[in-house]
Amino acid sequence: MEVKETPLPGVLLLVPKVHGDSRGFFLESFHAKTFSRLGLPQLFVQDNHSRSVRGVTRGLHYQKRHGQGKLVRVVRGSVFDVAVDLRPDSPTFSRWFGTTLSEENHAMLYIPEGFAHGFQVTSESADFLYKCTDFYDPQDEGGILWNDPEVGVVWPIAEAALSKKDAALPLLSAVSREDLPRVV
């Protein structure tokens, strides 16, 4: 597996070795020994799968007290995937990193605790998979608005299709330090 650093410390782009021929392909999307060697978590407690249509934008979400590291990938279609550093004492606080994850490039993104996460579907539809290091707790969820000008994410599709919940998320400037993700 090839590991590529991003401008946000801890956020890693992972590119698995793909073995393919005329019959199809094979790849390892997770291997505990490889992840251990890379210094990444080997214990994931929840797997999620979402399917969305073009323009759907989910996020930017985080857990406040029960931080979730996430390993995300796309198995059908393509998305623009984004991580935003919300660690208050980080030199990259409020900065973002985005990349395309698709069924063609097989790339995965590892997003550690302390980051908001979101994605936008750029194909007709996409199946998005993510492994989490802690359980989702709806009482612990936080988020910031997808197009917060302070963060300045440059999304590929200007008109996002949002849930009511995501459309009502606050700007980062309105989130108190106590409501930002706590990193243990």
N, C-alpha and C. Protein backbone atom coordinates (compact mmCIF):
# COMPACT_ATOMS: atom_id res chain seq x y z
N MET A 1 0.85 -1.17 0.00
CA MET A 1 0.00 0.00 0.00
C MET A 1 0.90 1.24 0.00
N GLU A 2 0.58 2.16 -0.90
CA GLU A 2 1.31 3.42 -0.95
C GLU A 2 0.62 4.43 -0.04
N VAL A 3 1.39 5.14 0.77
CA VAL A 3 0.85 6.14 1.69
C VAL A 3 1.37 7.50 1.26
N LYS A 4 0.44 8.43 1.08
CA LYS A 4 0.80 9.79 0.68
C LYS A 4 0.38 10.76 1.77
N GLU A 5 1.33 11.56 2.23
CA GLU A 5 1.04 12.60 3.21
C GLU A 5 0.16 13.67 2.54
N THR A 6 -0.63 14.35 3.35
CA THR A 6 -1.42 15.49 2.87
C THR A 6 -0.95 16.73 3.63
N PRO A 7 -1.42 17.91 3.26
CA PRO A 7 -1.04 19.11 4.01
C PRO A 7 -1.55 19.15 5.45
N LEU A 8 -2.47 18.24 5.80
CA LEU A 8 -3.01 18.19 7.16
C LEU A 8 -2.38 17.01 7.89
N PRO A 9 -1.56 17.27 8.91
CA PRO A 9 -0.91 16.18 9.64
C PRO A 9 -1.91 15.15 10.15
N GLY A 10 -1.65 13.88 9.83
CA GLY A 10 -2.51 12.79 10.27
C GLY A 10 -3.50 12.34 9.21
N VAL A 11 -3.86 13.21 8.30
CA VAL A 11 -4.76 12.83 7.20
C VAL A 11 -3.89 12.22 6.11
N LEU A 12 -4.18 10.97 5.77
CA LEU A 12 -3.34 10.24 4.82
C LEU A 12 -4.15 9.71 3.65
N LEU A 13 -3.57 9.81 2.46
CA LEU A 13 -4.15 9.21 1.27
C LEU A 13 -3.49 7.85 1.10
N LEU A 14 -4.30 6.80 1.05
CA LEU A 14 -3.80 5.44 0.94
C LEU A 14 -4.19 4.88 -0.43
N VAL A 15 -3.22 4.36 -1.13
CA VAL A 15 -3.47 3.80 -2.45
C VAL A 15 -3.06 2.33 -2.41
N PRO A 16 -4.04 1.42 -2.43
CA PRO A 16 -3.71 -0.01 -2.35
C PRO A 16 -3.13 -0.52 -3.66
N LYS A 17 -2.40 -1.62 -3.56
CA LYS A 17 -1.93 -2.31 -4.76
C LYS A 17 -3.12 -3.05 -5.35
N VAL A 18 -3.36 -2.81 -6.63
CA VAL A 18 -4.49 -3.44 -7.32
C VAL A 18 -3.93 -4.49 -8.27
N HIS A 19 -4.39 -5.70 -8.12
CA HIS A 19 -3.99 -6.81 -8.99
C HIS A 19 -5.17 -7.08 -9.92
N GLY A 20 -4.99 -6.80 -11.20
CA GLY A 20 -6.10 -6.96 -12.12
C GLY A 20 -5.70 -7.65 -13.41
N ASP A 21 -6.69 -8.22 -14.05
CA ASP A 21 -6.53 -8.79 -15.38
C ASP A 21 -7.90 -8.75 -16.06
N SER A 22 -8.06 -9.50 -17.11
CA SER A 22 -9.31 -9.44 -17.89
C SER A 22 -10.52 -9.91 -17.09
N ARG A 23 -10.30 -10.62 -15.97
CA ARG A 23 -11.41 -11.12 -15.15
C ARG A 23 -11.91 -10.10 -14.15
N GLY A 24 -11.08 -9.09 -13.85
CA GLY A 24 -11.44 -8.11 -12.83
C GLY A 24 -10.22 -7.72 -12.03
N PHE A 25 -10.41 -7.45 -10.72
CA PHE A 25 -9.28 -7.04 -9.89
C PHE A 25 -9.45 -7.55 -8.47
N PHE A 26 -8.35 -7.45 -7.72
CA PHE A 26 -8.32 -7.77 -6.30
C PHE A 26 -7.46 -6.72 -5.62
N LEU A 27 -7.89 -6.28 -4.43
CA LEU A 27 -7.08 -5.39 -3.61
C LEU A 27 -7.39 -5.63 -2.16
N GLU A 28 -6.42 -5.32 -1.30
CA GLU A 28 -6.65 -5.35 0.14
C GLU A 28 -7.03 -3.93 0.57
N SER A 29 -8.22 -3.77 1.11
CA SER A 29 -8.64 -2.44 1.57
C SER A 29 -8.27 -2.22 3.04
N PHE A 30 -8.01 -3.30 3.75
CA PHE A 30 -7.58 -3.20 5.15
C PHE A 30 -6.77 -4.44 5.49
N HIS A 31 -5.67 -4.24 6.19
CA HIS A 31 -4.84 -5.33 6.68
C HIS A 31 -4.23 -4.84 7.99
N ALA A 32 -4.58 -5.47 9.10
CA ALA A 32 -4.17 -4.99 10.43
C ALA A 32 -2.66 -4.84 10.56
N LYS A 33 -1.88 -5.79 10.06
CA LYS A 33 -0.42 -5.69 10.18
C LYS A 33 0.12 -4.52 9.38
N THR A 34 -0.42 -4.30 8.19
CA THR A 34 0.02 -3.15 7.38
C THR A 34 -0.33 -1.85 8.07
N PHE A 35 -1.55 -1.76 8.60
CA PHE A 35 -1.96 -0.54 9.29
C PHE A 35 -1.11 -0.30 10.54
N SER A 36 -0.77 -1.36 11.26
CA SER A 36 0.09 -1.23 12.43
C SER A 36 1.45 -0.68 12.03
N ARG A 37 2.01 -1.22 10.97
CA ARG A 37 3.32 -0.78 10.48
C ARG A 37 3.28 0.70 10.08
N LEU A 38 2.13 1.16 9.59
CA LEU A 38 1.97 2.55 9.16
C LEU A 38 1.59 3.48 10.33
N GLY A 39 1.37 2.90 11.52
CA GLY A 39 0.98 3.71 12.68
C GLY A 39 -0.49 4.10 12.66
N LEU A 40 -1.30 3.35 11.92
CA LEU A 40 -2.74 3.63 11.83
C LEU A 40 -3.52 2.68 12.72
N PRO A 41 -4.74 3.07 13.09
CA PRO A 41 -5.55 2.18 13.94
C PRO A 41 -5.83 0.84 13.26
N GLN A 42 -5.86 -0.20 14.08
CA GLN A 42 -6.23 -1.51 13.57
C GLN A 42 -7.59 -1.94 14.09
N LEU A 43 -8.15 -1.16 15.01
CA LEU A 43 -9.45 -1.50 15.58
C LEU A 43 -10.50 -0.53 15.05
N PHE A 44 -11.33 -1.03 14.19
CA PHE A 44 -12.48 -0.28 13.70
C PHE A 44 -13.72 -0.98 14.25
N VAL A 45 -14.66 -0.20 14.79
CA VAL A 45 -15.80 -0.80 15.48
C VAL A 45 -17.11 -0.66 14.73
N GLN A 46 -17.12 0.11 13.65
CA GLN A 46 -18.36 0.34 12.92
C GLN A 46 -18.03 0.57 11.45
N ASP A 47 -18.76 -0.11 10.57
CA ASP A 47 -18.65 0.12 9.13
C ASP A 47 -19.95 0.74 8.64
N ASN A 48 -19.85 1.74 7.77
CA ASN A 48 -21.03 2.41 7.22
C ASN A 48 -20.96 2.39 5.70
N HIS A 49 -22.13 2.39 5.07
CA HIS A 49 -22.24 2.40 3.61
C HIS A 49 -23.35 3.37 3.26
N SER A 50 -23.03 4.35 2.44
CA SER A 50 -24.08 5.26 1.97
C SER A 50 -24.08 5.29 0.45
N ARG A 51 -25.25 5.47 -0.11
CA ARG A 51 -25.41 5.65 -1.55
C ARG A 51 -26.09 7.00 -1.74
N SER A 52 -25.53 7.79 -2.62
CA SER A 52 -26.07 9.13 -2.87
C SER A 52 -25.98 9.42 -4.36
N VAL A 53 -26.78 10.39 -4.80
CA VAL A 53 -26.80 10.79 -6.21
C VAL A 53 -25.97 12.05 -6.41
N ARG A 54 -25.72 12.37 -7.67
CA ARG A 54 -24.88 13.51 -8.05
C ARG A 54 -25.31 14.78 -7.32
N GLY A 55 -24.32 15.49 -6.79
CA GLY A 55 -24.55 16.76 -6.11
C GLY A 55 -24.84 16.66 -4.64
N VAL A 56 -25.21 15.46 -4.16
CA VAL A 56 -25.46 15.31 -2.72
C VAL A 56 -24.16 15.61 -1.99
N THR A 57 -24.27 16.45 -0.98
CA THR A 57 -23.13 16.82 -0.14
C THR A 57 -23.49 16.47 1.29
N ARG A 58 -22.66 15.65 1.90
CA ARG A 58 -22.88 15.22 3.28
C ARG A 58 -21.76 15.80 4.14
N GLY A 59 -22.15 16.45 5.23
CA GLY A 59 -21.15 17.00 6.14
C GLY A 59 -21.22 18.51 6.14
N LEU A 60 -20.35 19.03 6.85
CA LEU A 60 -19.10 18.54 7.43
C LEU A 60 -19.36 18.12 8.87
N HIS A 61 -19.19 16.84 9.18
CA HIS A 61 -19.56 16.27 10.47
C HIS A 61 -18.35 15.89 11.32
N TYR A 62 -18.57 15.83 12.64
CA TYR A 62 -17.58 15.30 13.58
C TYR A 62 -18.30 14.89 14.85
N GLN A 63 -17.62 14.11 15.67
CA GLN A 63 -18.09 13.75 17.00
C GLN A 63 -17.33 14.62 17.99
N LYS A 64 -18.05 15.18 18.97
CA LYS A 64 -17.43 16.13 19.91
C LYS A 64 -16.53 15.46 20.94
N ARG A 65 -17.03 14.49 21.67
CA ARG A 65 -16.29 13.89 22.78
C ARG A 65 -15.80 12.48 22.47
N HIS A 66 -16.48 11.80 21.57
CA HIS A 66 -16.13 10.43 21.21
C HIS A 66 -15.62 10.43 19.76
N GLY A 67 -14.42 10.98 19.60
CA GLY A 67 -13.87 11.17 18.26
C GLY A 67 -13.81 9.89 17.45
N GLN A 68 -14.04 10.04 16.18
CA GLN A 68 -13.98 8.91 15.26
C GLN A 68 -12.87 9.13 14.25
N GLY A 69 -11.92 8.20 14.21
CA GLY A 69 -11.04 8.12 13.06
C GLY A 69 -11.82 7.40 11.97
N LYS A 70 -11.63 7.79 10.73
CA LYS A 70 -12.39 7.18 9.63
C LYS A 70 -11.45 6.79 8.50
N LEU A 71 -11.71 5.61 7.95
CA LEU A 71 -11.06 5.16 6.73
C LEU A 71 -12.16 5.10 5.68
N VAL A 72 -12.07 5.97 4.67
CA VAL A 72 -13.16 6.13 3.72
C VAL A 72 -12.72 5.75 2.31
N ARG A 73 -13.67 5.21 1.54
CA ARG A 73 -13.40 4.85 0.15
C ARG A 73 -14.70 4.76 -0.63
N VAL A 74 -14.56 4.76 -1.94
CA VAL A 74 -15.71 4.67 -2.85
C VAL A 74 -15.59 3.37 -3.63
N VAL A 75 -16.68 2.61 -3.68
CA VAL A 75 -16.66 1.36 -4.44
C VAL A 75 -17.46 1.44 -5.73
N ARG A 76 -18.28 2.50 -5.87
CA ARG A 76 -19.00 2.73 -7.12
C ARG A 76 -19.18 4.22 -7.29
N GLY A 77 -18.77 4.74 -8.44
CA GLY A 77 -18.90 6.16 -8.71
C GLY A 77 -17.69 6.94 -8.22
N SER A 78 -17.91 8.24 -7.95
CA SER A 78 -16.82 9.09 -7.47
C SER A 78 -17.37 10.19 -6.57
N VAL A 79 -16.53 10.60 -5.63
CA VAL A 79 -16.87 11.70 -4.72
C VAL A 79 -15.65 12.59 -4.55
N PHE A 80 -15.92 13.83 -4.17
CA PHE A 80 -14.88 14.73 -3.70
C PHE A 80 -14.96 14.68 -2.19
N ASP A 81 -13.90 14.17 -1.55
CA ASP A 81 -13.90 13.93 -0.12
C ASP A 81 -13.07 14.99 0.59
N VAL A 82 -13.55 15.48 1.74
CA VAL A 82 -12.94 16.62 2.42
C VAL A 82 -12.75 16.34 3.91
N ALA A 83 -11.58 16.74 4.42
CA ALA A 83 -11.30 16.75 5.85
C ALA A 83 -10.94 18.17 6.24
N VAL A 84 -11.46 18.64 7.39
CA VAL A 84 -11.18 19.97 7.91
C VAL A 84 -10.60 19.82 9.31
N ASP A 85 -9.44 20.42 9.54
CA ASP A 85 -8.79 20.34 10.84
C ASP A 85 -9.53 21.22 11.84
N LEU A 86 -10.10 20.60 12.88
CA LEU A 86 -10.81 21.34 13.92
C LEU A 86 -10.14 21.19 15.29
N ARG A 87 -8.89 20.81 15.28
CA ARG A 87 -8.13 20.72 16.54
C ARG A 87 -7.71 22.14 16.91
N PRO A 88 -8.27 22.69 17.99
CA PRO A 88 -8.07 24.11 18.30
C PRO A 88 -6.62 24.56 18.40
N ASP A 89 -5.73 23.71 18.86
CA ASP A 89 -4.34 24.10 19.03
C ASP A 89 -3.45 23.71 17.86
N SER A 90 -4.05 23.25 16.78
CA SER A 90 -3.28 22.81 15.63
C SER A 90 -2.85 24.00 14.77
N PRO A 91 -1.64 23.96 14.24
CA PRO A 91 -1.20 25.03 13.33
C PRO A 91 -1.99 25.04 12.01
N THR A 92 -2.70 23.95 11.73
CA THR A 92 -3.52 23.91 10.51
C THR A 92 -5.02 24.00 10.82
N PHE A 93 -5.35 24.54 12.01
CA PHE A 93 -6.76 24.70 12.40
C PHE A 93 -7.53 25.44 11.31
N SER A 94 -8.67 24.92 10.95
CA SER A 94 -9.64 25.43 9.97
C SER A 94 -9.20 25.22 8.52
N ARG A 95 -8.06 24.62 8.29
CA ARG A 95 -7.65 24.32 6.92
C ARG A 95 -8.27 23.01 6.47
N TRP A 96 -8.42 22.87 5.16
CA TRP A 96 -9.06 21.69 4.61
C TRP A 96 -8.17 21.02 3.58
N PHE A 97 -8.46 19.76 3.35
CA PHE A 97 -7.84 18.99 2.29
C PHE A 97 -8.95 18.22 1.58
N GLY A 98 -8.92 18.23 0.27
CA GLY A 98 -9.91 17.49 -0.51
C GLY A 98 -9.25 16.67 -1.60
N THR A 99 -9.87 15.54 -1.91
CA THR A 99 -9.36 14.66 -2.95
C THR A 99 -10.51 13.87 -3.56
N THR A 100 -10.30 13.41 -4.77
CA THR A 100 -11.30 12.56 -5.43
C THR A 100 -11.04 11.11 -5.06
N LEU A 101 -12.08 10.46 -4.58
CA LEU A 101 -12.06 9.02 -4.33
C LEU A 101 -13.03 8.40 -5.33
N SER A 102 -12.60 7.34 -6.00
CA SER A 102 -13.48 6.77 -7.02
C SER A 102 -13.26 5.27 -7.16
N GLU A 103 -14.19 4.65 -7.87
CA GLU A 103 -14.04 3.23 -8.15
C GLU A 103 -12.86 2.98 -9.09
N GLU A 104 -12.45 4.00 -9.84
CA GLU A 104 -11.32 3.84 -10.75
C GLU A 104 -9.97 3.94 -10.03
N ASN A 105 -9.83 4.91 -9.11
CA ASN A 105 -8.51 5.09 -8.48
C ASN A 105 -8.32 4.25 -7.22
N HIS A 106 -9.40 3.68 -6.67
CA HIS A 106 -9.35 2.80 -5.50
C HIS A 106 -8.72 3.46 -4.28
N ALA A 107 -8.49 4.76 -4.32
CA ALA A 107 -7.83 5.46 -3.22
C ALA A 107 -8.72 5.49 -1.98
N MET A 108 -8.08 5.56 -0.83
CA MET A 108 -8.77 5.67 0.45
C MET A 108 -8.17 6.86 1.19
N LEU A 109 -8.98 7.45 2.05
CA LEU A 109 -8.48 8.54 2.88
C LEU A 109 -8.65 8.15 4.34
N TYR A 110 -7.57 8.31 5.11
CA TYR A 110 -7.68 8.11 6.56
C TYR A 110 -7.76 9.48 7.20
N ILE A 111 -8.83 9.69 7.99
CA ILE A 111 -9.08 10.96 8.67
C ILE A 111 -9.09 10.67 10.17
N PRO A 112 -8.12 11.20 10.93
CA PRO A 112 -8.06 10.92 12.36
C PRO A 112 -9.09 11.73 13.15
N GLU A 113 -9.17 11.44 14.43
CA GLU A 113 -10.02 12.23 15.33
C GLU A 113 -9.61 13.69 15.25
N GLY A 114 -10.56 14.58 15.48
CA GLY A 114 -10.25 16.00 15.51
C GLY A 114 -10.54 16.72 14.21
N PHE A 115 -11.05 16.00 13.24
CA PHE A 115 -11.34 16.58 11.93
C PHE A 115 -12.83 16.46 11.62
N ALA A 116 -13.35 17.48 10.94
CA ALA A 116 -14.68 17.35 10.35
C ALA A 116 -14.50 16.64 9.01
N HIS A 117 -15.53 15.95 8.58
CA HIS A 117 -15.47 15.18 7.34
C HIS A 117 -16.75 15.38 6.54
N GLY A 118 -16.59 15.44 5.24
CA GLY A 118 -17.74 15.51 4.35
C GLY A 118 -17.35 15.09 2.95
N PHE A 119 -18.36 14.89 2.12
CA PHE A 119 -18.08 14.54 0.73
C PHE A 119 -19.21 15.00 -0.18
N GLN A 120 -18.89 15.13 -1.46
CA GLN A 120 -19.86 15.53 -2.48
C GLN A 120 -19.76 14.53 -3.63
N VAL A 121 -20.90 14.03 -4.06
CA VAL A 121 -20.94 13.05 -5.14
C VAL A 121 -20.76 13.76 -6.48
N THR A 122 -19.77 13.30 -7.26
CA THR A 122 -19.46 13.92 -8.55
C THR A 122 -19.86 13.05 -9.74
N SER A 123 -20.27 11.81 -9.49
CA SER A 123 -20.76 10.92 -10.54
C SER A 123 -22.29 10.87 -10.46
N GLU A 124 -22.93 10.13 -11.33
CA GLU A 124 -24.40 10.03 -11.29
C GLU A 124 -24.89 9.53 -9.94
N SER A 125 -24.17 8.58 -9.37
CA SER A 125 -24.42 8.11 -8.00
C SER A 125 -23.11 7.52 -7.49
N ALA A 126 -23.04 7.31 -6.19
CA ALA A 126 -21.82 6.74 -5.61
C ALA A 126 -22.16 5.93 -4.36
N ASP A 127 -21.42 4.84 -4.20
CA ASP A 127 -21.48 4.05 -2.97
C ASP A 127 -20.20 4.35 -2.20
N PHE A 128 -20.39 4.86 -0.99
CA PHE A 128 -19.32 5.36 -0.14
C PHE A 128 -19.24 4.48 1.10
N LEU A 129 -18.06 3.95 1.40
CA LEU A 129 -17.87 3.09 2.56
C LEU A 129 -16.92 3.76 3.54
N TYR A 130 -17.22 3.63 4.83
CA TYR A 130 -16.28 4.12 5.81
C TYR A 130 -16.27 3.28 7.06
N LYS A 131 -15.05 3.06 7.55
CA LYS A 131 -14.80 2.33 8.79
C LYS A 131 -14.51 3.38 9.86
N CYS A 132 -15.06 3.18 11.06
CA CYS A 132 -14.91 4.15 12.14
C CYS A 132 -14.26 3.50 13.36
N THR A 133 -13.42 4.29 14.04
CA THR A 133 -12.72 3.79 15.22
C THR A 133 -13.54 3.89 16.50
N ASP A 134 -14.68 4.56 16.45
CA ASP A 134 -15.58 4.63 17.60
C ASP A 134 -17.00 4.62 17.08
N PHE A 135 -17.94 4.31 17.95
CA PHE A 135 -19.34 4.22 17.56
C PHE A 135 -19.94 5.61 17.37
N TYR A 136 -20.84 5.72 16.42
CA TYR A 136 -21.58 6.96 16.20
C TYR A 136 -22.52 7.19 17.37
N ASP A 137 -22.56 8.40 17.87
CA ASP A 137 -23.45 8.79 18.96
C ASP A 137 -24.19 10.05 18.53
N PRO A 138 -25.48 9.96 18.21
CA PRO A 138 -26.20 11.13 17.71
C PRO A 138 -26.21 12.30 18.70
N GLN A 139 -26.09 12.03 19.99
CA GLN A 139 -26.05 13.10 21.00
C GLN A 139 -24.71 13.83 21.00
N ASP A 140 -23.71 13.24 20.37
CA ASP A 140 -22.35 13.77 20.40
C ASP A 140 -21.95 14.40 19.06
N GLU A 141 -22.88 14.44 18.12
CA GLU A 141 -22.55 14.91 16.78
C GLU A 141 -22.43 16.43 16.73
N GLY A 142 -21.45 16.88 15.98
CA GLY A 142 -21.27 18.30 15.69
C GLY A 142 -21.03 18.46 14.21
N GLY A 143 -21.01 19.69 13.78
CA GLY A 143 -20.73 19.93 12.37
C GLY A 143 -20.60 21.41 12.07
N ILE A 144 -20.07 21.68 10.90
CA ILE A 144 -19.99 23.05 10.39
C ILE A 144 -20.55 23.07 8.98
N LEU A 145 -21.01 24.22 8.57
CA LEU A 145 -21.65 24.38 7.27
C LEU A 145 -20.69 24.05 6.14
N TRP A 146 -21.17 23.32 5.17
CA TRP A 146 -20.36 22.81 4.05
C TRP A 146 -19.64 23.91 3.28
N ASN A 147 -20.25 25.09 3.19
CA ASN A 147 -19.66 26.18 2.39
C ASN A 147 -19.24 27.37 3.26
N ASP A 148 -18.84 27.10 4.48
CA ASP A 148 -18.39 28.15 5.40
C ASP A 148 -17.25 28.93 4.73
N PRO A 149 -17.42 30.24 4.54
CA PRO A 149 -16.38 31.01 3.85
C PRO A 149 -15.05 31.08 4.62
N GLU A 150 -15.10 30.95 5.95
CA GLU A 150 -13.85 30.95 6.72
C GLU A 150 -13.00 29.72 6.38
N VAL A 151 -13.65 28.59 6.16
CA VAL A 151 -12.94 27.36 5.80
C VAL A 151 -12.58 27.38 4.32
N GLY A 152 -13.53 27.76 3.48
CA GLY A 152 -13.26 27.98 2.06
C GLY A 152 -13.08 26.75 1.20
N VAL A 153 -13.76 25.65 1.53
CA VAL A 153 -13.66 24.46 0.68
C VAL A 153 -14.13 24.82 -0.73
N VAL A 154 -13.36 24.41 -1.71
CA VAL A 154 -13.73 24.61 -3.12
C VAL A 154 -14.34 23.31 -3.61
N TRP A 155 -15.66 23.27 -3.58
CA TRP A 155 -16.40 22.07 -3.99
C TRP A 155 -16.53 22.05 -5.51
N PRO A 156 -16.52 20.88 -6.12
CA PRO A 156 -16.63 20.82 -7.58
C PRO A 156 -18.02 21.20 -8.11
N ILE A 157 -19.06 21.01 -7.30
CA ILE A 157 -20.42 21.35 -7.70
C ILE A 157 -20.92 22.45 -6.78
N ALA A 158 -21.22 23.61 -7.35
CA ALA A 158 -21.57 24.78 -6.54
C ALA A 158 -22.93 24.64 -5.85
N GLU A 159 -23.88 24.00 -6.49
CA GLU A 159 -25.22 23.84 -5.92
C GLU A 159 -25.32 22.47 -5.27
N ALA A 160 -25.16 22.41 -3.98
CA ALA A 160 -25.18 21.14 -3.25
C ALA A 160 -26.59 20.73 -2.89
N ALA A 161 -26.84 19.44 -2.91
CA ALA A 161 -28.09 18.88 -2.40
C ALA A 161 -27.81 18.45 -0.97
N LEU A 162 -28.45 19.13 -0.01
CA LEU A 162 -28.18 18.93 1.41
C LEU A 162 -29.39 18.40 2.16
N SER A 163 -29.15 17.67 3.24
CA SER A 163 -30.23 17.34 4.16
C SER A 163 -30.60 18.61 4.92
N LYS A 164 -31.79 18.62 5.52
CA LYS A 164 -32.19 19.77 6.33
C LYS A 164 -31.20 19.98 7.48
N LYS A 165 -30.75 18.88 8.07
CA LYS A 165 -29.81 18.96 9.19
C LYS A 165 -28.50 19.60 8.75
N ASP A 166 -27.96 19.17 7.60
CA ASP A 166 -26.69 19.72 7.14
C ASP A 166 -26.83 21.18 6.68
N ALA A 167 -27.97 21.54 6.13
CA ALA A 167 -28.19 22.93 5.70
C ALA A 167 -28.26 23.88 6.89
N ALA A 168 -28.59 23.34 8.08
CA ALA A 168 -28.72 24.17 9.28
C ALA A 168 -27.46 24.17 10.15
N LEU A 169 -26.38 23.53 9.71
CA LEU A 169 -25.15 23.52 10.51
C LEU A 169 -24.60 24.93 10.63
N PRO A 170 -23.92 25.23 11.73
CA PRO A 170 -23.39 26.58 11.96
C PRO A 170 -22.09 26.83 11.20
N LEU A 171 -21.74 28.10 11.13
CA LEU A 171 -20.41 28.48 10.67
C LEU A 171 -19.40 28.13 11.76
N LEU A 172 -18.16 27.89 11.38
CA LEU A 172 -17.12 27.57 12.36
C LEU A 172 -16.99 28.67 13.41
N SER A 173 -17.13 29.93 13.02
CA SER A 173 -17.00 31.04 13.96
C SER A 173 -18.07 31.03 15.05
N ALA A 174 -19.17 30.31 14.82
CA ALA A 174 -20.25 30.24 15.81
C ALA A 174 -20.13 29.03 16.73
N VAL A 175 -19.14 28.18 16.50
CA VAL A 175 -18.96 26.98 17.31
C VAL A 175 -18.00 27.30 18.45
N SER A 176 -18.44 27.04 19.69
CA SER A 176 -17.56 27.31 20.83
C SER A 176 -16.43 26.27 20.89
N ARG A 177 -15.34 26.68 21.49
CA ARG A 177 -14.19 25.78 21.64
C ARG A 177 -14.59 24.47 22.32
N GLU A 178 -15.52 24.55 23.27
CA GLU A 178 -15.98 23.35 23.99
C GLU A 178 -16.76 22.39 23.10
N ASP A 179 -17.29 22.90 22.00
CA ASP A 179 -18.07 22.06 21.08
C ASP A 179 -17.26 21.56 19.90
N LEU A 180 -15.97 21.91 19.87
CA LEU A 180 -15.10 21.35 18.84
C LEU A 180 -14.71 19.93 19.27
N PRO A 181 -14.26 19.11 18.32
CA PRO A 181 -13.91 17.73 18.72
C PRO A 181 -12.76 17.70 19.71
N ARG A 182 -12.93 16.88 20.70
CA ARG A 182 -11.88 16.68 21.71
C ARG A 182 -11.03 15.50 21.26
N VAL A 183 -9.72 15.70 21.19
CA VAL A 183 -8.81 14.64 20.78
C VAL A 183 -8.11 14.13 22.03
N VAL A 184 -8.21 12.84 22.24
CA VAL A 184 -7.60 12.22 23.43
C VAL A 184 -6.20 11.76 23.12
